[in-house]
N, C-alpha and C. Protein backbone atom coordinates (compact mmCIF):
# COMPACT_ATOMS: atom_id res chain seq x y z
N MET A 1 -62.04 -81.05 -40.55
CA MET A 1 -60.64 -81.08 -40.08
C MET A 1 -60.39 -79.94 -39.11
N ASP A 2 -59.79 -80.24 -37.98
CA ASP A 2 -59.47 -79.22 -36.99
C ASP A 2 -58.17 -78.54 -37.36
N THR A 3 -58.25 -77.25 -37.69
CA THR A 3 -57.05 -76.51 -38.10
C THR A 3 -56.59 -75.54 -37.03
N SER A 4 -57.07 -75.71 -35.80
CA SER A 4 -56.75 -74.74 -34.76
C SER A 4 -55.28 -74.71 -34.42
N ASN A 5 -54.56 -75.83 -34.65
CA ASN A 5 -53.13 -75.87 -34.31
C ASN A 5 -52.22 -75.76 -35.52
N VAL A 6 -52.84 -75.47 -36.68
CA VAL A 6 -52.05 -75.32 -37.89
C VAL A 6 -51.69 -73.86 -38.07
N SER A 7 -50.42 -73.58 -38.15
CA SER A 7 -49.99 -72.19 -38.27
C SER A 7 -50.24 -71.67 -39.66
N SER A 8 -50.71 -70.46 -39.74
CA SER A 8 -50.88 -69.79 -41.03
C SER A 8 -49.52 -69.46 -41.61
N PRO A 9 -49.37 -69.46 -42.96
CA PRO A 9 -48.09 -69.09 -43.57
C PRO A 9 -47.65 -67.70 -43.17
N THR A 10 -48.64 -66.85 -42.81
CA THR A 10 -48.28 -65.48 -42.42
C THR A 10 -48.30 -65.29 -40.92
N GLY A 11 -48.46 -66.38 -40.18
CA GLY A 11 -48.56 -66.29 -38.73
C GLY A 11 -47.24 -66.48 -38.05
N ALA A 12 -47.30 -67.11 -36.85
CA ALA A 12 -46.12 -67.21 -36.00
C ALA A 12 -45.06 -68.14 -36.56
N ALA A 13 -45.46 -69.10 -37.42
CA ALA A 13 -44.49 -70.08 -37.91
C ALA A 13 -43.41 -69.43 -38.75
N ARG A 14 -43.76 -68.39 -39.50
CA ARG A 14 -42.76 -67.76 -40.37
C ARG A 14 -41.64 -67.10 -39.58
N PRO A 15 -41.95 -66.27 -38.55
CA PRO A 15 -40.86 -65.73 -37.74
C PRO A 15 -40.01 -66.81 -37.09
N LEU A 16 -40.64 -67.92 -36.68
CA LEU A 16 -39.89 -69.01 -36.06
C LEU A 16 -38.90 -69.61 -37.06
N ARG A 17 -39.36 -69.84 -38.29
CA ARG A 17 -38.47 -70.37 -39.32
C ARG A 17 -37.35 -69.38 -39.62
N SER A 18 -37.71 -68.09 -39.62
CA SER A 18 -36.71 -67.08 -39.89
C SER A 18 -35.65 -67.05 -38.80
N ARG A 19 -36.09 -67.17 -37.54
CA ARG A 19 -35.13 -67.19 -36.44
C ARG A 19 -34.23 -68.41 -36.51
N ALA A 20 -34.82 -69.54 -36.85
CA ALA A 20 -34.03 -70.77 -36.97
C ALA A 20 -33.00 -70.63 -38.09
N ARG A 21 -33.41 -70.02 -39.20
CA ARG A 21 -32.49 -69.81 -40.31
C ARG A 21 -31.35 -68.88 -39.91
N ASP A 22 -31.70 -67.80 -39.21
CA ASP A 22 -30.67 -66.85 -38.76
C ASP A 22 -29.69 -67.52 -37.80
N ALA A 23 -30.21 -68.36 -36.91
CA ALA A 23 -29.35 -69.05 -35.96
C ALA A 23 -28.40 -70.01 -36.67
N MET A 24 -28.91 -70.72 -37.68
CA MET A 24 -28.07 -71.65 -38.42
C MET A 24 -27.00 -70.90 -39.22
N LYS A 25 -27.39 -69.77 -39.80
CA LYS A 25 -26.40 -68.98 -40.53
C LYS A 25 -25.30 -68.47 -39.58
N ALA A 26 -25.71 -68.02 -38.40
CA ALA A 26 -24.74 -67.53 -37.43
C ALA A 26 -23.78 -68.63 -36.99
N GLU A 27 -24.30 -69.84 -36.79
CA GLU A 27 -23.44 -70.98 -36.42
C GLU A 27 -22.47 -71.31 -37.54
N THR A 28 -22.93 -71.21 -38.78
CA THR A 28 -22.07 -71.50 -39.92
C THR A 28 -20.97 -70.46 -40.05
N VAL A 29 -21.33 -69.19 -39.87
CA VAL A 29 -20.33 -68.12 -39.92
C VAL A 29 -19.29 -68.31 -38.82
N ALA A 30 -19.73 -68.67 -37.63
CA ALA A 30 -18.80 -68.88 -36.51
C ALA A 30 -17.86 -70.04 -36.81
N ALA A 31 -18.41 -71.13 -37.35
CA ALA A 31 -17.58 -72.29 -37.70
C ALA A 31 -16.57 -71.93 -38.78
N ALA A 32 -17.02 -71.17 -39.78
CA ALA A 32 -16.12 -70.76 -40.86
C ALA A 32 -15.01 -69.86 -40.32
N SER A 33 -15.35 -68.95 -39.43
CA SER A 33 -14.35 -68.03 -38.87
C SER A 33 -13.26 -68.79 -38.13
N ARG A 34 -13.67 -69.82 -37.39
CA ARG A 34 -12.67 -70.61 -36.68
C ARG A 34 -11.73 -71.32 -37.66
N LEU A 35 -12.29 -71.85 -38.72
CA LEU A 35 -11.46 -72.52 -39.73
C LEU A 35 -10.55 -71.53 -40.45
N PHE A 36 -11.08 -70.37 -40.79
CA PHE A 36 -10.25 -69.36 -41.46
C PHE A 36 -9.09 -68.95 -40.58
N ASP A 37 -9.35 -68.77 -39.28
CA ASP A 37 -8.29 -68.40 -38.34
C ASP A 37 -7.23 -69.49 -38.24
N ALA A 38 -7.69 -70.74 -38.27
CA ALA A 38 -6.78 -71.86 -38.04
C ALA A 38 -5.95 -72.21 -39.27
N GLN A 39 -6.55 -72.12 -40.47
CA GLN A 39 -5.83 -72.63 -41.64
C GLN A 39 -5.87 -71.71 -42.86
N GLY A 40 -6.45 -70.52 -42.69
CA GLY A 40 -6.47 -69.57 -43.79
C GLY A 40 -7.70 -69.74 -44.67
N PHE A 41 -8.01 -68.68 -45.42
CA PHE A 41 -9.21 -68.70 -46.25
C PHE A 41 -9.07 -69.68 -47.41
N ASP A 42 -7.97 -69.58 -48.15
CA ASP A 42 -7.81 -70.42 -49.34
C ASP A 42 -7.72 -71.90 -49.01
N ASN A 43 -7.19 -72.22 -47.83
CA ASN A 43 -7.03 -73.63 -47.44
C ASN A 43 -8.28 -74.23 -46.81
N THR A 44 -9.30 -73.41 -46.66
CA THR A 44 -10.56 -73.89 -46.09
C THR A 44 -11.56 -74.14 -47.20
N THR A 45 -12.17 -75.30 -47.20
CA THR A 45 -13.13 -75.65 -48.24
C THR A 45 -14.56 -75.50 -47.74
N VAL A 46 -15.48 -75.40 -48.69
CA VAL A 46 -16.90 -75.35 -48.34
C VAL A 46 -17.31 -76.62 -47.60
N ASP A 47 -16.79 -77.77 -48.05
CA ASP A 47 -17.13 -79.03 -47.38
C ASP A 47 -16.70 -79.02 -45.92
N GLN A 48 -15.52 -78.45 -45.63
CA GLN A 48 -15.05 -78.37 -44.24
C GLN A 48 -15.96 -77.47 -43.41
N ILE A 49 -16.36 -76.34 -43.99
CA ILE A 49 -17.25 -75.43 -43.26
C ILE A 49 -18.59 -76.10 -42.98
N ALA A 50 -19.14 -76.74 -44.00
CA ALA A 50 -20.43 -77.41 -43.84
C ALA A 50 -20.35 -78.49 -42.76
N ALA A 51 -19.29 -79.27 -42.79
CA ALA A 51 -19.13 -80.34 -41.80
C ALA A 51 -19.00 -79.76 -40.39
N ALA A 52 -18.23 -78.68 -40.25
CA ALA A 52 -18.04 -78.08 -38.94
C ALA A 52 -19.35 -77.49 -38.40
N ALA A 53 -20.22 -77.05 -39.31
CA ALA A 53 -21.50 -76.47 -38.89
C ALA A 53 -22.62 -77.51 -38.82
N GLY A 54 -22.30 -78.77 -39.19
CA GLY A 54 -23.30 -79.82 -39.17
C GLY A 54 -24.31 -79.71 -40.29
N LEU A 55 -23.85 -79.22 -41.44
CA LEU A 55 -24.72 -79.05 -42.60
C LEU A 55 -24.27 -79.94 -43.75
N SER A 56 -25.19 -80.21 -44.65
CA SER A 56 -24.79 -80.82 -45.91
C SER A 56 -24.28 -79.73 -46.83
N ARG A 57 -23.56 -80.11 -47.86
CA ARG A 57 -23.08 -79.13 -48.83
C ARG A 57 -24.26 -78.40 -49.49
N ALA A 58 -25.32 -79.14 -49.80
CA ALA A 58 -26.49 -78.54 -50.44
C ALA A 58 -27.14 -77.50 -49.52
N THR A 59 -27.22 -77.82 -48.23
CA THR A 59 -27.82 -76.87 -47.29
C THR A 59 -26.95 -75.63 -47.16
N PHE A 60 -25.64 -75.82 -47.16
CA PHE A 60 -24.74 -74.67 -47.10
C PHE A 60 -25.07 -73.69 -48.22
N PHE A 61 -25.25 -74.19 -49.42
CA PHE A 61 -25.49 -73.31 -50.57
C PHE A 61 -26.91 -72.75 -50.59
N ARG A 62 -27.79 -73.24 -49.73
CA ARG A 62 -29.08 -72.58 -49.57
C ARG A 62 -28.93 -71.31 -48.72
N TYR A 63 -27.90 -71.29 -47.87
CA TYR A 63 -27.67 -70.14 -47.01
C TYR A 63 -26.71 -69.13 -47.63
N PHE A 64 -25.70 -69.62 -48.33
CA PHE A 64 -24.65 -68.76 -48.87
C PHE A 64 -24.35 -69.13 -50.32
N LYS A 65 -24.15 -68.12 -51.14
CA LYS A 65 -23.85 -68.38 -52.55
C LYS A 65 -22.41 -68.85 -52.73
N THR A 66 -21.49 -68.29 -51.95
CA THR A 66 -20.07 -68.58 -52.10
C THR A 66 -19.40 -68.64 -50.73
N LYS A 67 -18.18 -69.14 -50.71
CA LYS A 67 -17.39 -69.13 -49.49
C LYS A 67 -17.11 -67.70 -49.05
N GLU A 68 -16.91 -66.80 -50.02
CA GLU A 68 -16.65 -65.40 -49.70
C GLU A 68 -17.83 -64.79 -48.94
N ASP A 69 -19.05 -65.20 -49.30
CA ASP A 69 -20.22 -64.65 -48.64
C ASP A 69 -20.30 -65.06 -47.17
N VAL A 70 -19.75 -66.21 -46.83
CA VAL A 70 -19.71 -66.60 -45.41
C VAL A 70 -18.80 -65.65 -44.64
N ALA A 71 -17.64 -65.38 -45.20
CA ALA A 71 -16.67 -64.52 -44.52
C ALA A 71 -17.19 -63.10 -44.37
N LEU A 72 -18.01 -62.66 -45.33
CA LEU A 72 -18.48 -61.28 -45.36
C LEU A 72 -19.95 -61.16 -44.97
N ASP A 73 -20.43 -62.13 -44.22
CA ASP A 73 -21.87 -62.20 -43.94
C ASP A 73 -22.40 -60.94 -43.26
N ASP A 74 -21.60 -60.30 -42.42
CA ASP A 74 -22.09 -59.16 -41.63
C ASP A 74 -22.04 -57.84 -42.39
N LEU A 75 -21.51 -57.84 -43.60
CA LEU A 75 -21.27 -56.57 -44.28
C LEU A 75 -22.57 -55.82 -44.59
N GLN A 76 -23.59 -56.54 -45.03
CA GLN A 76 -24.87 -55.90 -45.32
C GLN A 76 -25.49 -55.34 -44.04
N GLY A 77 -25.43 -56.13 -42.98
CA GLY A 77 -25.97 -55.65 -41.70
C GLY A 77 -25.21 -54.45 -41.19
N MET A 78 -23.89 -54.44 -41.39
CA MET A 78 -23.09 -53.30 -40.98
C MET A 78 -23.50 -52.06 -41.76
N GLY A 79 -23.72 -52.21 -43.06
CA GLY A 79 -24.16 -51.09 -43.87
C GLY A 79 -25.49 -50.53 -43.39
N GLN A 80 -26.39 -51.41 -43.00
CA GLN A 80 -27.69 -50.96 -42.49
C GLN A 80 -27.53 -50.21 -41.18
N ARG A 81 -26.60 -50.65 -40.33
CA ARG A 81 -26.38 -49.96 -39.07
C ARG A 81 -25.74 -48.59 -39.30
N VAL A 82 -24.83 -48.51 -40.26
CA VAL A 82 -24.23 -47.22 -40.60
C VAL A 82 -25.31 -46.27 -41.12
N ALA A 83 -26.17 -46.78 -42.01
CA ALA A 83 -27.24 -45.95 -42.57
C ALA A 83 -28.18 -45.44 -41.48
N ALA A 84 -28.51 -46.31 -40.53
CA ALA A 84 -29.39 -45.90 -39.43
C ALA A 84 -28.71 -44.82 -38.57
N ALA A 85 -27.41 -44.97 -38.34
CA ALA A 85 -26.68 -43.98 -37.56
C ALA A 85 -26.60 -42.65 -38.31
N PHE A 86 -26.43 -42.71 -39.63
CA PHE A 86 -26.38 -41.52 -40.47
C PHE A 86 -27.71 -40.76 -40.38
N THR A 87 -28.81 -41.47 -40.50
CA THR A 87 -30.13 -40.85 -40.43
C THR A 87 -30.40 -40.24 -39.06
N ALA A 88 -29.83 -40.85 -38.02
CA ALA A 88 -30.08 -40.40 -36.65
C ALA A 88 -29.23 -39.20 -36.23
N ARG A 89 -28.27 -38.80 -37.06
CA ARG A 89 -27.42 -37.67 -36.69
C ARG A 89 -28.24 -36.37 -36.65
N PRO A 90 -27.80 -35.37 -35.85
CA PRO A 90 -28.56 -34.12 -35.75
C PRO A 90 -28.78 -33.46 -37.11
N GLU A 91 -29.94 -32.85 -37.27
CA GLU A 91 -30.29 -32.24 -38.54
C GLU A 91 -29.37 -31.08 -38.91
N ASP A 92 -28.85 -30.38 -37.90
CA ASP A 92 -28.01 -29.21 -38.19
C ASP A 92 -26.53 -29.57 -38.38
N GLU A 93 -26.21 -30.85 -38.36
CA GLU A 93 -24.83 -31.29 -38.54
C GLU A 93 -24.48 -31.30 -40.02
N ARG A 94 -23.28 -30.86 -40.37
CA ARG A 94 -22.86 -30.89 -41.76
C ARG A 94 -22.91 -32.32 -42.28
N PRO A 95 -23.36 -32.52 -43.53
CA PRO A 95 -23.49 -33.88 -44.07
C PRO A 95 -22.21 -34.69 -43.99
N TRP A 96 -21.07 -34.08 -44.31
CA TRP A 96 -19.80 -34.81 -44.27
C TRP A 96 -19.46 -35.23 -42.85
N THR A 97 -19.71 -34.34 -41.90
CA THR A 97 -19.47 -34.67 -40.49
C THR A 97 -20.43 -35.76 -40.03
N ALA A 98 -21.68 -35.69 -40.46
CA ALA A 98 -22.66 -36.71 -40.08
C ALA A 98 -22.25 -38.07 -40.62
N LEU A 99 -21.72 -38.10 -41.84
CA LEU A 99 -21.26 -39.37 -42.41
C LEU A 99 -20.08 -39.91 -41.61
N ARG A 100 -19.16 -39.03 -41.25
CA ARG A 100 -18.01 -39.47 -40.44
C ARG A 100 -18.48 -40.07 -39.12
N ARG A 101 -19.40 -39.41 -38.47
CA ARG A 101 -19.89 -39.90 -37.19
C ARG A 101 -20.68 -41.20 -37.36
N ALA A 102 -21.35 -41.37 -38.49
CA ALA A 102 -22.06 -42.63 -38.75
C ALA A 102 -21.07 -43.78 -38.84
N PHE A 103 -19.88 -43.51 -39.36
CA PHE A 103 -18.85 -44.55 -39.47
C PHE A 103 -18.32 -44.99 -38.10
N ASP A 104 -18.72 -44.28 -37.04
CA ASP A 104 -18.34 -44.73 -35.69
C ASP A 104 -18.86 -46.14 -35.42
N VAL A 105 -19.95 -46.50 -36.08
CA VAL A 105 -20.48 -47.87 -35.95
C VAL A 105 -19.39 -48.88 -36.30
N ILE A 106 -18.61 -48.56 -37.32
CA ILE A 106 -17.55 -49.46 -37.78
C ILE A 106 -16.33 -49.37 -36.88
N THR A 107 -15.88 -48.16 -36.59
CA THR A 107 -14.65 -48.01 -35.79
C THR A 107 -14.83 -48.57 -34.39
N GLU A 108 -16.01 -48.41 -33.81
CA GLU A 108 -16.25 -48.95 -32.47
C GLU A 108 -16.33 -50.47 -32.51
N ASP A 109 -16.89 -51.01 -33.58
CA ASP A 109 -16.96 -52.46 -33.72
C ASP A 109 -15.55 -53.05 -33.81
N LYS A 110 -14.69 -52.43 -34.61
CA LYS A 110 -13.32 -52.93 -34.76
C LYS A 110 -12.53 -52.76 -33.46
N ALA A 111 -12.79 -51.66 -32.74
CA ALA A 111 -12.07 -51.42 -31.49
C ALA A 111 -12.46 -52.42 -30.40
N SER A 112 -13.66 -52.99 -30.51
CA SER A 112 -14.11 -53.93 -29.48
C SER A 112 -13.37 -55.25 -29.56
N GLU A 113 -12.92 -55.64 -30.76
CA GLU A 113 -12.16 -56.87 -30.95
C GLU A 113 -11.01 -56.60 -31.92
N PRO A 114 -10.02 -55.82 -31.51
CA PRO A 114 -8.99 -55.39 -32.45
C PRO A 114 -8.18 -56.53 -33.06
N ASP A 115 -7.82 -57.52 -32.27
CA ASP A 115 -7.01 -58.62 -32.80
C ASP A 115 -7.78 -59.41 -33.85
N ARG A 116 -9.03 -59.72 -33.55
CA ARG A 116 -9.86 -60.46 -34.50
C ARG A 116 -10.07 -59.64 -35.78
N SER A 117 -10.30 -58.34 -35.62
CA SER A 117 -10.52 -57.48 -36.79
C SER A 117 -9.27 -57.39 -37.65
N LEU A 118 -8.12 -57.28 -37.01
CA LEU A 118 -6.86 -57.23 -37.76
C LEU A 118 -6.63 -58.52 -38.53
N ARG A 119 -6.91 -59.67 -37.90
CA ARG A 119 -6.74 -60.94 -38.59
C ARG A 119 -7.66 -61.03 -39.80
N PHE A 120 -8.91 -60.59 -39.62
CA PHE A 120 -9.86 -60.68 -40.71
C PHE A 120 -9.45 -59.79 -41.88
N PHE A 121 -9.11 -58.54 -41.62
CA PHE A 121 -8.78 -57.63 -42.71
C PHE A 121 -7.45 -57.98 -43.36
N THR A 122 -6.54 -58.54 -42.59
CA THR A 122 -5.30 -59.03 -43.19
C THR A 122 -5.60 -60.17 -44.15
N MET A 123 -6.44 -61.10 -43.72
CA MET A 123 -6.85 -62.21 -44.58
C MET A 123 -7.53 -61.69 -45.84
N MET A 124 -8.40 -60.72 -45.67
CA MET A 124 -9.13 -60.18 -46.82
C MET A 124 -8.18 -59.54 -47.83
N CYS A 125 -7.26 -58.73 -47.35
CA CYS A 125 -6.33 -58.04 -48.25
C CYS A 125 -5.38 -59.01 -48.95
N GLN A 126 -5.14 -60.16 -48.35
CA GLN A 126 -4.25 -61.14 -48.95
C GLN A 126 -4.98 -62.13 -49.85
N THR A 127 -6.30 -61.99 -49.96
CA THR A 127 -7.11 -62.92 -50.75
C THR A 127 -7.86 -62.14 -51.82
N PRO A 128 -7.38 -62.17 -53.07
CA PRO A 128 -8.00 -61.35 -54.11
C PRO A 128 -9.50 -61.56 -54.26
N SER A 129 -9.97 -62.80 -54.23
CA SER A 129 -11.40 -63.04 -54.42
C SER A 129 -12.22 -62.46 -53.28
N LEU A 130 -11.69 -62.53 -52.07
CA LEU A 130 -12.39 -62.00 -50.91
C LEU A 130 -12.39 -60.47 -50.93
N LYS A 131 -11.26 -59.90 -51.31
CA LYS A 131 -11.16 -58.44 -51.39
C LYS A 131 -12.12 -57.89 -52.45
N ALA A 132 -12.20 -58.57 -53.59
CA ALA A 132 -13.10 -58.14 -54.66
C ALA A 132 -14.56 -58.23 -54.22
N ARG A 133 -14.90 -59.32 -53.53
CA ARG A 133 -16.28 -59.49 -53.07
C ARG A 133 -16.61 -58.46 -52.01
N HIS A 134 -15.66 -58.13 -51.14
CA HIS A 134 -15.86 -57.09 -50.13
C HIS A 134 -16.15 -55.76 -50.80
N TRP A 135 -15.36 -55.41 -51.80
CA TRP A 135 -15.58 -54.15 -52.51
C TRP A 135 -16.95 -54.13 -53.16
N GLU A 136 -17.33 -55.23 -53.78
CA GLU A 136 -18.62 -55.31 -54.45
C GLU A 136 -19.77 -55.11 -53.46
N LYS A 137 -19.69 -55.77 -52.31
CA LYS A 137 -20.74 -55.65 -51.31
C LYS A 137 -20.77 -54.25 -50.71
N GLN A 138 -19.59 -53.67 -50.46
CA GLN A 138 -19.55 -52.35 -49.85
C GLN A 138 -20.11 -51.29 -50.80
N GLN A 139 -19.93 -51.48 -52.10
CA GLN A 139 -20.48 -50.51 -53.05
C GLN A 139 -22.01 -50.47 -52.97
N ARG A 140 -22.63 -51.55 -52.52
CA ARG A 140 -24.07 -51.56 -52.36
C ARG A 140 -24.53 -50.64 -51.23
N TRP A 141 -23.59 -50.21 -50.41
CA TRP A 141 -23.94 -49.27 -49.35
C TRP A 141 -24.45 -47.95 -49.93
N HIS A 142 -24.10 -47.66 -51.18
CA HIS A 142 -24.62 -46.45 -51.81
C HIS A 142 -26.15 -46.44 -51.77
N GLU A 143 -26.76 -47.59 -51.97
CA GLU A 143 -28.22 -47.68 -51.94
C GLU A 143 -28.76 -47.29 -50.58
N LEU A 144 -27.98 -47.51 -49.53
CA LEU A 144 -28.40 -47.21 -48.17
C LEU A 144 -28.08 -45.78 -47.77
N LEU A 145 -26.95 -45.25 -48.26
CA LEU A 145 -26.45 -43.96 -47.79
C LEU A 145 -26.76 -42.79 -48.71
N ASP A 146 -26.83 -43.03 -50.00
CA ASP A 146 -27.04 -41.92 -50.95
C ASP A 146 -28.33 -41.15 -50.69
N PRO A 147 -29.47 -41.81 -50.45
CA PRO A 147 -30.71 -41.04 -50.23
C PRO A 147 -30.61 -40.07 -49.05
N GLU A 148 -30.01 -40.51 -47.95
CA GLU A 148 -29.88 -39.63 -46.79
C GLU A 148 -28.90 -38.50 -47.08
N MET A 149 -27.84 -38.77 -47.83
CA MET A 149 -26.92 -37.70 -48.19
C MET A 149 -27.63 -36.67 -49.07
N ARG A 150 -28.44 -37.13 -50.03
CA ARG A 150 -29.19 -36.20 -50.87
C ARG A 150 -30.12 -35.34 -50.02
N ARG A 151 -30.80 -35.98 -49.08
CA ARG A 151 -31.73 -35.24 -48.24
C ARG A 151 -31.02 -34.17 -47.43
N ARG A 152 -29.86 -34.54 -46.85
CA ARG A 152 -29.13 -33.58 -46.03
C ARG A 152 -28.55 -32.43 -46.85
N LEU A 153 -28.24 -32.71 -48.10
CA LEU A 153 -27.71 -31.67 -48.98
C LEU A 153 -28.82 -30.81 -49.59
N GLY A 154 -30.07 -31.24 -49.41
CA GLY A 154 -31.17 -30.54 -50.04
C GLY A 154 -31.22 -30.75 -51.54
N ARG A 155 -30.68 -31.89 -51.98
CA ARG A 155 -30.65 -32.19 -53.41
C ARG A 155 -31.94 -32.87 -53.84
N PRO A 156 -32.30 -32.76 -55.12
CA PRO A 156 -33.50 -33.48 -55.60
C PRO A 156 -33.34 -34.98 -55.40
N ALA A 157 -34.44 -35.64 -55.17
CA ALA A 157 -34.41 -37.09 -54.94
C ALA A 157 -34.30 -37.82 -56.27
N ALA A 158 -33.17 -37.61 -56.95
CA ALA A 158 -32.95 -38.22 -58.27
C ALA A 158 -31.95 -39.35 -58.14
N VAL A 159 -32.24 -40.45 -58.78
CA VAL A 159 -31.37 -41.61 -58.71
C VAL A 159 -30.00 -41.31 -59.29
N ASN A 160 -29.96 -40.45 -60.33
CA ASN A 160 -28.71 -40.18 -61.03
C ASN A 160 -28.01 -38.92 -60.56
N ASP A 161 -28.35 -38.43 -59.35
CA ASP A 161 -27.69 -37.24 -58.81
C ASP A 161 -26.25 -37.58 -58.45
N PRO A 162 -25.26 -36.93 -59.08
CA PRO A 162 -23.87 -37.33 -58.85
C PRO A 162 -23.27 -36.76 -57.57
N VAL A 163 -23.85 -35.70 -57.03
CA VAL A 163 -23.21 -35.02 -55.89
C VAL A 163 -23.24 -35.91 -54.64
N ALA A 164 -24.42 -36.37 -54.27
CA ALA A 164 -24.53 -37.23 -53.09
C ALA A 164 -23.74 -38.52 -53.28
N THR A 165 -23.82 -39.09 -54.48
CA THR A 165 -23.09 -40.33 -54.76
C THR A 165 -21.59 -40.12 -54.64
N ALA A 166 -21.12 -38.97 -55.13
CA ALA A 166 -19.68 -38.66 -55.06
C ALA A 166 -19.22 -38.51 -53.61
N LEU A 167 -20.03 -37.85 -52.79
CA LEU A 167 -19.64 -37.66 -51.39
C LEU A 167 -19.63 -38.97 -50.62
N VAL A 168 -20.65 -39.80 -50.83
CA VAL A 168 -20.65 -41.10 -50.16
C VAL A 168 -19.49 -41.95 -50.65
N GLY A 169 -19.23 -41.92 -51.96
CA GLY A 169 -18.10 -42.68 -52.49
C GLY A 169 -16.78 -42.20 -51.92
N ALA A 170 -16.64 -40.89 -51.75
CA ALA A 170 -15.42 -40.35 -51.15
C ALA A 170 -15.29 -40.80 -49.71
N GLY A 171 -16.42 -40.85 -48.98
CA GLY A 171 -16.37 -41.32 -47.60
C GLY A 171 -15.95 -42.77 -47.51
N LEU A 172 -16.48 -43.60 -48.41
CA LEU A 172 -16.09 -45.01 -48.43
C LEU A 172 -14.63 -45.18 -48.82
N ALA A 173 -14.15 -44.33 -49.75
CA ALA A 173 -12.73 -44.39 -50.12
C ALA A 173 -11.85 -44.01 -48.94
N CYS A 174 -12.28 -43.01 -48.16
CA CYS A 174 -11.53 -42.63 -46.96
C CYS A 174 -11.52 -43.76 -45.94
N LEU A 175 -12.64 -44.46 -45.82
CA LEU A 175 -12.72 -45.60 -44.91
C LEU A 175 -11.75 -46.69 -45.35
N ASP A 176 -11.68 -46.95 -46.65
CA ASP A 176 -10.75 -47.96 -47.16
C ASP A 176 -9.30 -47.54 -46.92
N ALA A 177 -9.00 -46.25 -47.16
CA ALA A 177 -7.63 -45.76 -46.96
C ALA A 177 -7.23 -45.87 -45.49
N ALA A 178 -8.16 -45.52 -44.60
CA ALA A 178 -7.87 -45.62 -43.17
C ALA A 178 -7.66 -47.07 -42.75
N THR A 179 -8.46 -47.97 -43.31
CA THR A 179 -8.33 -49.39 -42.98
C THR A 179 -6.99 -49.94 -43.44
N GLU A 180 -6.56 -49.55 -44.64
CA GLU A 180 -5.26 -50.01 -45.14
C GLU A 180 -4.12 -49.48 -44.27
N ALA A 181 -4.23 -48.22 -43.84
CA ALA A 181 -3.20 -47.65 -42.96
C ALA A 181 -3.21 -48.35 -41.59
N TRP A 182 -4.39 -48.67 -41.12
CA TRP A 182 -4.54 -49.38 -39.84
C TRP A 182 -3.88 -50.75 -39.91
N LEU A 183 -4.08 -51.44 -41.02
CA LEU A 183 -3.46 -52.75 -41.20
C LEU A 183 -1.94 -52.62 -41.31
N ALA A 184 -1.49 -51.63 -42.09
CA ALA A 184 -0.04 -51.45 -42.28
C ALA A 184 0.65 -51.16 -40.95
N GLY A 185 -0.04 -50.44 -40.07
CA GLY A 185 0.52 -50.13 -38.75
C GLY A 185 0.21 -51.17 -37.71
N LYS A 186 -0.44 -52.28 -38.13
CA LYS A 186 -0.79 -53.39 -37.22
C LYS A 186 -1.56 -52.90 -36.01
N GLY A 187 -2.43 -51.92 -36.25
CA GLY A 187 -3.32 -51.46 -35.21
C GLY A 187 -2.69 -50.57 -34.16
N THR A 188 -1.48 -50.06 -34.43
CA THR A 188 -0.84 -49.19 -33.44
C THR A 188 -1.58 -47.86 -33.28
N GLU A 189 -2.22 -47.39 -34.35
CA GLU A 189 -3.12 -46.26 -34.25
C GLU A 189 -4.54 -46.78 -34.43
N THR A 190 -5.48 -46.15 -33.80
CA THR A 190 -6.86 -46.62 -33.91
C THR A 190 -7.41 -46.32 -35.30
N LEU A 191 -8.35 -47.15 -35.72
CA LEU A 191 -9.01 -46.92 -37.00
C LEU A 191 -9.75 -45.58 -36.97
N ALA A 192 -10.31 -45.22 -35.83
CA ALA A 192 -11.03 -43.95 -35.72
C ALA A 192 -10.10 -42.76 -35.98
N THR A 193 -8.90 -42.80 -35.42
CA THR A 193 -7.94 -41.71 -35.63
C THR A 193 -7.55 -41.61 -37.09
N LEU A 194 -7.29 -42.74 -37.71
CA LEU A 194 -6.89 -42.75 -39.12
C LEU A 194 -8.04 -42.31 -40.02
N LEU A 195 -9.26 -42.65 -39.64
CA LEU A 195 -10.41 -42.21 -40.42
C LEU A 195 -10.62 -40.71 -40.29
N ASP A 196 -10.39 -40.18 -39.10
CA ASP A 196 -10.43 -38.72 -38.92
C ASP A 196 -9.45 -38.04 -39.86
N GLN A 197 -8.26 -38.62 -39.97
CA GLN A 197 -7.23 -38.03 -40.82
C GLN A 197 -7.62 -38.09 -42.30
N SER A 198 -8.10 -39.25 -42.74
CA SER A 198 -8.41 -39.40 -44.16
C SER A 198 -9.63 -38.56 -44.56
N MET A 199 -10.66 -38.55 -43.73
CA MET A 199 -11.83 -37.74 -44.07
C MET A 199 -11.56 -36.26 -43.87
N GLY A 200 -10.68 -35.93 -42.91
CA GLY A 200 -10.30 -34.55 -42.73
C GLY A 200 -9.56 -33.97 -43.92
N ALA A 201 -8.80 -34.82 -44.60
CA ALA A 201 -8.06 -34.37 -45.77
C ALA A 201 -8.97 -33.98 -46.92
N LEU A 202 -10.18 -34.55 -46.94
CA LEU A 202 -11.13 -34.26 -48.03
C LEU A 202 -12.31 -33.42 -47.57
N ASP A 203 -12.15 -32.80 -46.41
CA ASP A 203 -13.25 -32.01 -45.87
C ASP A 203 -13.49 -30.79 -46.76
N ASN A 204 -14.63 -30.82 -47.47
CA ASN A 204 -14.94 -29.74 -48.40
C ASN A 204 -16.09 -28.86 -47.88
N ARG A 205 -16.30 -28.96 -46.58
CA ARG A 205 -17.34 -28.17 -45.93
C ARG A 205 -18.74 -28.50 -46.41
N ALA A 206 -18.92 -29.72 -46.89
CA ALA A 206 -20.25 -30.13 -47.31
C ALA A 206 -21.17 -30.25 -46.10
């Protein structure tokens, strides 16, 4: 049997399948976003999203566990980008300042599409299940940010070290407080300015 044209499971076929999967997920997220904008999160069903993306219901659930996961699809990727920015900050920068500057990944993203970002966060705050899922996913950022915070503080690389975890948690709480103020003001002040204020209030010279 001639196997010269058969792709190995570890060869080029796997990246191709991965790219196709990523493209389909992106199309589904885009279709869901349009429906959420048009009729709200609660009024949008999984069947409607699947139909708009050209998927079966079964295929939808191979890509996403819940409807909330479609809306929050970028949150893990955003956390990874924040973590990469945190690691890339200058070594002589104070850890708290480095964390604030890493959050520029978020503030710049929101500033690039302020109206869309305001609509999304308003929808999230008005939808208990979506808000809860957002909090749950964002808490996983500790896995991405805590190790770098420990390193910058010169703390032992212990999983149960409370200092780094407390500082990252405080930073995330400041981000949430700034986001809520940004929404309350309907974007009249930038998220970056409000984040400066909230993190500045807790600046402990770390």
